[in-house]
Amino acid sequence: MTIFVTNLASQVTEADLINLFEKHGKIRKISIDEITTVEMEGENAEAQEDSAIQALNGVELFGQILLLSRPTGPGPENPKQPEKPEKPKPKKLEEPLLLPVLPSGIILNSTNPI
């Protein structure tokens, strides 16, 4: 499995992440890129990752609060990135919006309502 690590300060290095995560098990891979990921190895890798998430989620590192999560996207064999919430789609009106037609020269304002 994979752990996504987000909200990292720009100065965080691989060594910093190793220091944090090695307390929870053997690290298989750390990738610091657009999306930072950590993978543990061994028979208990998933339990080690759960331990790391529980212990490190919300920890402050270089002034930033770490956010750790599991992938929710395509699956463990191809976790490209954490799934982002979809943008809401524009809603369509059920009925057409009818606006009054005013004779020319009439201006609506708060002191001159129809």
Protein backbone atom coordinates (compact mmCIF):
# COMPACT_ATOMS: atom_id res chain seq x y z
CA MET A 1 0.00 0.00 0.00
CA THR A 2 0.92 3.64 -0.12
CA ILE A 3 0.65 6.58 2.25
CA PHE A 4 0.06 10.01 0.75
CA VAL A 5 1.79 12.80 2.66
CA THR A 6 0.43 16.26 1.95
CA ASN A 7 0.87 19.78 3.30
CA LEU A 8 4.66 19.43 3.40
CA ALA A 9 6.89 22.44 3.89
CA SER A 10 9.13 23.07 0.88
CA GLN A 11 12.32 22.37 2.86
CA VAL A 12 11.32 18.81 3.90
CA THR A 13 13.87 16.27 2.66
CA GLU A 14 13.82 12.53 2.19
CA ALA A 15 16.02 12.25 5.31
CA ASP A 16 13.38 14.13 7.33
CA LEU A 17 10.70 11.68 6.22
CA ILE A 18 12.95 8.69 6.89
CA ASN A 19 13.49 9.94 10.46
CA LEU A 20 9.73 10.19 10.97
CA PHE A 21 8.62 6.96 9.31
CA GLU A 22 11.41 4.51 10.25
CA LYS A 23 10.07 4.40 13.81
CA HIS A 24 7.00 2.62 12.42
CA GLY A 25 8.67 -0.02 10.26
CA LYS A 26 10.98 -0.71 7.36
CA ILE A 27 10.63 1.81 4.56
CA ARG A 28 10.42 0.41 1.04
CA LYS A 29 10.22 3.70 -0.87
CA ILE A 30 9.83 7.45 -0.37
CA SER A 31 8.95 9.69 -3.27
CA ILE A 32 8.96 13.47 -2.88
CA ASP A 33 7.37 14.94 -5.98
CA GLU A 34 4.12 16.70 -6.82
CA ILE A 35 2.58 13.99 -4.68
CA THR A 36 4.69 12.71 -1.79
CA THR A 37 4.30 9.02 -1.00
CA VAL A 38 5.76 6.60 1.51
CA GLU A 39 5.62 2.81 1.22
CA MET A 40 6.59 0.33 3.92
CA GLU A 41 7.78 -3.20 3.23
CA GLY A 42 7.51 -6.61 4.79
CA GLU A 43 4.72 -8.90 5.91
CA ASN A 44 3.34 -6.28 8.28
CA ALA A 45 3.64 -3.35 5.87
CA GLU A 46 -0.03 -2.44 6.05
CA ALA A 47 -0.04 -2.51 9.86
CA GLN A 48 3.15 -0.43 9.90
CA GLU A 49 1.58 2.11 7.56
CA ASP A 50 -1.55 2.25 9.74
CA SER A 51 0.69 2.88 12.76
CA ALA A 52 2.52 5.67 10.92
CA ILE A 53 -0.72 7.31 9.80
CA GLN A 54 -2.15 7.19 13.31
CA ALA A 55 1.04 8.57 14.90
CA LEU A 56 2.08 11.16 12.30
CA ASN A 57 -1.16 12.55 10.89
CA GLY A 58 -1.42 16.07 12.31
CA VAL A 59 2.23 16.31 13.41
CA GLU A 60 3.91 19.68 12.78
CA LEU A 61 7.06 19.61 10.66
CA PHE A 62 8.81 22.88 9.70
CA GLY A 63 5.70 24.85 10.62
CA GLN A 64 3.31 22.76 8.51
CA ILE A 65 0.78 20.22 9.81
CA LEU A 66 1.32 16.87 8.03
CA LEU A 67 -1.74 15.26 6.49
CA LEU A 68 -1.47 11.52 5.85
CA SER A 69 -3.99 9.41 3.98
CA ARG A 70 -4.46 6.21 2.05
CA PRO A 71 -5.12 6.26 -1.69
CA THR A 72 -8.78 6.36 -2.64
CA GLY A 73 -8.24 6.40 -6.39
CA PRO A 74 -7.60 3.60 -8.89
CA GLY A 75 -6.29 1.03 -6.40
CA PRO A 76 -3.09 -0.21 -4.80
CA GLU A 77 -1.61 -1.42 -8.07
CA ASN A 78 -1.78 2.03 -9.65
CA PRO A 79 -2.24 4.81 -7.07
CA LYS A 80 -1.58 7.95 -9.08
CA GLN A 81 -2.86 10.55 -6.62
CA PRO A 82 -5.38 11.11 -3.88
CA GLU A 83 -8.88 11.45 -5.21
CA LYS A 84 -10.00 15.07 -5.27
CA PRO A 85 -13.60 16.02 -4.69
CA GLU A 86 -15.44 16.80 -7.90
CA LYS A 87 -16.34 20.39 -8.62
CA PRO A 88 -20.08 20.92 -8.31
CA LYS A 89 -21.82 21.02 -11.68
CA PRO A 90 -23.87 24.09 -12.54
CA LYS A 91 -27.52 23.54 -11.73
CA LYS A 92 -30.15 24.07 -14.40
CA LEU A 93 -33.36 25.86 -13.58
CA GLU A 94 -36.37 23.56 -13.63
CA GLU A 95 -38.52 26.30 -15.18
CA PRO A 96 -37.40 29.22 -17.33
CA LEU A 97 -36.72 32.43 -15.44
CA LEU A 98 -39.37 34.99 -16.41
CA LEU A 99 -38.46 38.64 -16.08
CA PRO A 100 -41.01 41.45 -16.30
CA VAL A 101 -40.96 43.58 -19.42
CA LEU A 102 -41.04 47.25 -18.49
CA PRO A 103 -42.14 50.15 -20.65
CA SER A 104 -39.17 52.18 -21.83
CA GLY A 105 -38.01 54.93 -19.52
CA ILE A 106 -38.92 53.14 -16.27
CA ILE A 107 -35.96 52.41 -14.02
CA LEU A 108 -36.30 50.08 -11.07
CA ASN A 109 -34.58 50.90 -7.83
CA SER A 110 -35.26 50.44 -4.13
CA THR A 111 -37.28 53.68 -3.88
CA ASN A 112 -39.37 53.13 -7.03
CA PRO A 113 -40.59 49.51 -7.04
CA ILE A 114 -43.31 48.37 -9.43
